[in-house]
Amino acid sequence: MGTLTAQKQSIVNDALFFTAEPLYQKDAFALQGITNSRFIRRASDCLPVRVIEAKHPKRHSVVYFDLTQEECEKMCHLGFVFSEPYHLGKQKFSLQAKYMSQYYNYAYSNYFGLYLSTNESCFYDIVVKYEFSVRKKPDERFVMKQTGAWTFKDSKTLGINDLFVMTWSSLMASDFFISGMLHLRAKLTIG
């Protein structure tokens, strides 16, 4: 009985260590042929983000959301992509990039929309100050595209329908793609 318990404990420990390893480390091991045959990484519908959090002087986060040109092209068919969820304060949020289609002057125009959303219920008003930016050539610095403040209570989404103020086809050929990547940044502050 003691051996079976030790085996179970070993499996649980291996699973915990597997989930704790950073993705880049798992990918590096996989490239070298070093794999843990018991566990595999599950494909996710949500794209990864990098988050930098700070609590002083106010609770805020900087969220980096990178999309490949191929992921953006797929949005024409899918309609949108979500980032993996992250926390700002005690609330869980995610970013959503969206393929927007609007009918105007007897023609359809397509745009890139960016949104901040939460699926959780807000039991109190949460005021979030936000700034959406994108990295641009030639100097590859982030350029602010929209800023404002939004209260999450009844409405669970904020964003902009046309982040780049250009059509989808113009965006796909623009200098916002750096080495095939679109680099988005959301600065978020509670309060």
Protein backbone atom coordinates (compact mmCIF):
# COMPACT_ATOMS: atom_id res chain seq x y z
CA MET A 1 0.00 0.00 0.00
CA GLY A 2 2.90 2.36 0.79
CA THR A 3 4.40 1.88 -2.71
CA LEU A 4 1.12 2.77 -4.41
CA THR A 5 0.81 5.93 -2.32
CA ALA A 6 4.39 6.90 -3.20
CA GLN A 7 3.63 6.37 -6.92
CA LYS A 8 0.52 8.54 -6.69
CA GLN A 9 2.49 11.23 -4.86
CA SER A 10 5.18 11.06 -7.57
CA ILE A 11 2.57 11.54 -10.33
CA VAL A 12 1.00 14.49 -8.50
CA ASN A 13 4.43 16.09 -7.97
CA ASP A 14 5.36 15.59 -11.64
CA ALA A 15 2.07 17.19 -12.72
CA LEU A 16 2.59 20.16 -10.41
CA PHE A 17 6.13 20.71 -11.66
CA PHE A 18 4.95 20.39 -15.27
CA THR A 19 2.31 23.10 -14.83
CA ALA A 20 4.77 25.32 -12.96
CA GLU A 21 7.42 25.22 -15.71
CA PRO A 22 7.39 28.28 -17.97
CA LEU A 23 6.13 27.61 -21.51
CA TYR A 24 9.44 28.61 -23.07
CA GLN A 25 11.19 25.96 -20.97
CA LYS A 26 8.72 23.26 -22.02
CA ASP A 27 9.18 24.26 -25.67
CA ALA A 28 12.97 24.21 -25.29
CA PHE A 29 12.83 20.71 -23.78
CA ALA A 30 10.53 19.55 -26.59
CA LEU A 31 12.96 20.85 -29.22
CA GLN A 32 15.75 18.88 -27.56
CA GLY A 33 13.60 15.75 -27.49
CA ILE A 34 13.26 15.84 -23.70
CA THR A 35 9.61 15.28 -22.92
CA ASN A 36 7.63 14.04 -19.99
CA SER A 37 5.47 11.39 -21.65
CA ARG A 38 2.84 11.56 -18.91
CA PHE A 39 1.87 15.15 -19.64
CA ILE A 40 1.38 17.30 -22.73
CA ARG A 41 0.54 20.97 -23.06
CA ARG A 42 -3.11 21.44 -23.98
CA ALA A 43 -3.86 23.70 -26.92
CA SER A 44 -5.59 26.86 -25.81
CA ASP A 45 -8.02 29.14 -27.62
CA CYS A 46 -6.53 32.08 -25.72
CA LEU A 47 -3.30 33.74 -26.82
CA PRO A 48 -0.58 34.46 -24.27
CA VAL A 49 0.12 37.89 -22.78
CA ARG A 50 2.99 39.29 -20.75
CA VAL A 51 1.89 41.26 -17.69
CA ILE A 52 3.88 43.64 -15.51
CA GLU A 53 2.05 44.51 -12.29
CA ALA A 54 2.68 47.23 -9.72
CA LYS A 55 0.78 48.28 -6.61
CA HIS A 56 2.30 51.71 -5.93
CA PRO A 57 1.37 54.51 -6.24
CA LYS A 58 -1.84 52.89 -7.61
CA ARG A 59 -2.61 49.32 -8.58
CA HIS A 60 -1.79 49.08 -12.28
CA SER A 61 -0.67 46.66 -14.97
CA VAL A 62 0.99 46.86 -18.34
CA VAL A 63 -0.22 44.06 -20.62
CA TYR A 64 1.65 43.12 -23.80
CA PHE A 65 -0.42 41.25 -26.39
CA ASP A 66 1.45 40.19 -29.55
CA LEU A 67 -0.31 38.85 -32.64
CA THR A 68 1.36 37.31 -35.64
CA GLN A 69 0.31 38.42 -39.11
CA GLU A 70 -1.09 34.91 -39.63
CA GLU A 71 -3.24 35.20 -36.47
CA CYS A 72 -4.56 38.53 -37.75
CA GLU A 73 -5.37 37.00 -41.14
CA LYS A 74 -7.31 34.20 -39.39
CA MET A 75 -9.39 36.84 -37.60
CA CYS A 76 -11.09 37.58 -40.95
CA HIS A 77 -12.74 34.15 -40.62
CA LEU A 78 -12.90 33.73 -36.84
CA GLY A 79 -13.96 37.31 -36.09
CA PHE A 80 -11.84 37.69 -32.94
CA VAL A 81 -9.11 36.31 -30.69
CA PHE A 82 -8.90 36.48 -26.90
CA SER A 83 -5.86 36.83 -24.72
CA GLU A 84 -5.41 34.54 -21.79
CA PRO A 85 -7.00 36.03 -18.66
CA TYR A 86 -4.96 38.06 -16.19
CA HIS A 87 -5.74 39.87 -12.94
CA LEU A 88 -5.92 43.57 -12.25
CA GLY A 89 -6.65 43.97 -8.58
CA LYS A 90 -9.09 41.23 -7.65
CA GLN A 91 -10.82 41.23 -11.04
CA LYS A 92 -9.98 38.92 -13.96
CA PHE A 93 -9.69 40.61 -17.37
CA SER A 94 -8.70 39.68 -20.92
CA LEU A 95 -7.97 41.54 -24.13
CA GLN A 96 -9.91 40.85 -27.29
CA ALA A 97 -8.73 41.72 -30.79
CA LYS A 98 -11.63 41.82 -33.22
CA TYR A 99 -12.21 41.95 -36.97
CA MET A 100 -14.84 44.67 -37.30
CA SER A 101 -17.09 45.06 -40.32
CA GLN A 102 -19.19 48.21 -40.69
CA TYR A 103 -21.62 49.22 -43.40
CA TYR A 104 -21.15 52.85 -44.42
CA ASN A 105 -22.07 54.73 -47.61
CA TYR A 106 -23.41 51.58 -49.32
CA ALA A 107 -20.21 49.62 -48.74
CA TYR A 108 -18.63 47.46 -46.07
CA SER A 109 -15.38 48.54 -44.45
CA ASN A 110 -13.31 46.31 -42.21
CA TYR A 111 -11.30 47.48 -39.21
CA PHE A 112 -9.24 46.24 -36.27
CA GLY A 113 -10.92 46.59 -32.87
CA LEU A 114 -9.30 46.17 -29.45
CA TYR A 115 -11.28 45.60 -26.25
CA LEU A 116 -10.74 45.00 -22.56
CA SER A 117 -13.35 42.72 -21.03
CA THR A 118 -14.24 40.81 -17.91
CA ASN A 119 -16.54 37.81 -17.64
CA GLU A 120 -16.83 38.07 -13.89
CA SER A 121 -19.61 39.86 -12.08
CA CYS A 122 -18.61 43.20 -10.62
CA PHE A 123 -20.21 43.59 -7.20
CA TYR A 124 -18.90 47.13 -6.96
CA ASP A 125 -17.90 49.78 -9.48
CA ILE A 126 -14.39 49.31 -10.84
CA VAL A 127 -12.96 52.38 -12.53
CA VAL A 128 -10.17 51.48 -14.94
CA LYS A 129 -8.01 54.08 -16.63
CA TYR A 130 -6.62 52.66 -19.83
CA GLU A 131 -4.22 53.42 -22.65
CA PHE A 132 -4.03 51.28 -25.78
CA SER A 133 -0.77 51.54 -27.75
CA VAL A 134 0.89 49.78 -30.66
CA ARG A 135 4.55 49.49 -31.65
CA LYS A 136 5.38 51.08 -35.01
CA LYS A 137 8.30 51.24 -37.43
CA PRO A 138 10.82 52.79 -38.02
CA ASP A 139 11.88 53.43 -34.40
CA GLU A 140 9.72 50.57 -33.02
CA ARG A 141 8.36 52.67 -30.17
CA PHE A 142 4.86 52.35 -28.81
CA VAL A 143 2.43 54.93 -30.19
CA MET A 144 -0.65 55.72 -28.08
CA LYS A 145 -3.87 55.06 -30.00
CA GLN A 146 -6.57 55.58 -27.37
CA THR A 147 -6.82 56.59 -23.73
CA GLY A 148 -9.68 57.06 -21.31
CA ALA A 149 -11.43 55.78 -18.21
CA TRP A 150 -14.24 53.28 -17.92
CA THR A 151 -16.42 52.07 -15.04
CA PHE A 152 -17.05 48.32 -15.01
CA LYS A 153 -20.34 47.50 -13.34
CA ASP A 154 -23.15 46.73 -15.72
CA SER A 155 -21.03 46.93 -18.86
CA LYS A 156 -18.26 44.36 -18.98
CA THR A 157 -16.39 45.56 -22.08
CA LEU A 158 -14.60 48.70 -23.18
CA GLY A 159 -12.70 49.32 -26.36
CA ILE A 160 -12.39 50.90 -29.74
CA ASN A 161 -13.83 49.68 -33.04
CA ASP A 162 -11.09 51.14 -35.26
CA LEU A 163 -7.84 51.21 -33.30
CA PHE A 164 -5.64 52.10 -36.27
CA VAL A 165 -8.04 54.46 -38.08
CA MET A 166 -7.45 52.52 -41.30
CA THR A 167 -9.07 49.68 -43.15
CA TRP A 168 -8.10 46.08 -42.51
CA SER A 169 -6.31 45.70 -45.84
CA SER A 170 -4.29 48.88 -45.17
CA LEU A 171 -3.37 47.59 -41.71
CA MET A 172 -2.17 44.24 -43.06
CA ALA A 173 0.24 46.08 -45.40
CA SER A 174 1.27 48.74 -42.86
CA ASP A 175 4.40 49.41 -40.84
CA PHE A 176 2.65 48.31 -37.64
CA PHE A 177 3.82 44.75 -38.37
CA ILE A 178 7.42 44.37 -37.22
CA SER A 179 9.02 41.11 -38.39
CA GLY A 180 5.52 39.68 -38.91
CA MET A 181 4.28 40.66 -35.42
CA LEU A 182 1.73 43.22 -34.27
CA HIS A 183 2.77 44.41 -30.79
CA LEU A 184 -0.12 45.76 -28.69
CA ARG A 185 0.12 47.24 -25.21
CA ALA A 186 -2.58 48.09 -22.68
CA LYS A 187 -1.69 50.21 -19.65
CA LEU A 188 -4.39 49.73 -17.01
CA THR A 189 -4.83 51.49 -13.68
CA ILE A 190 -7.54 50.98 -11.07
CA GLY A 191 -8.85 54.16 -9.57
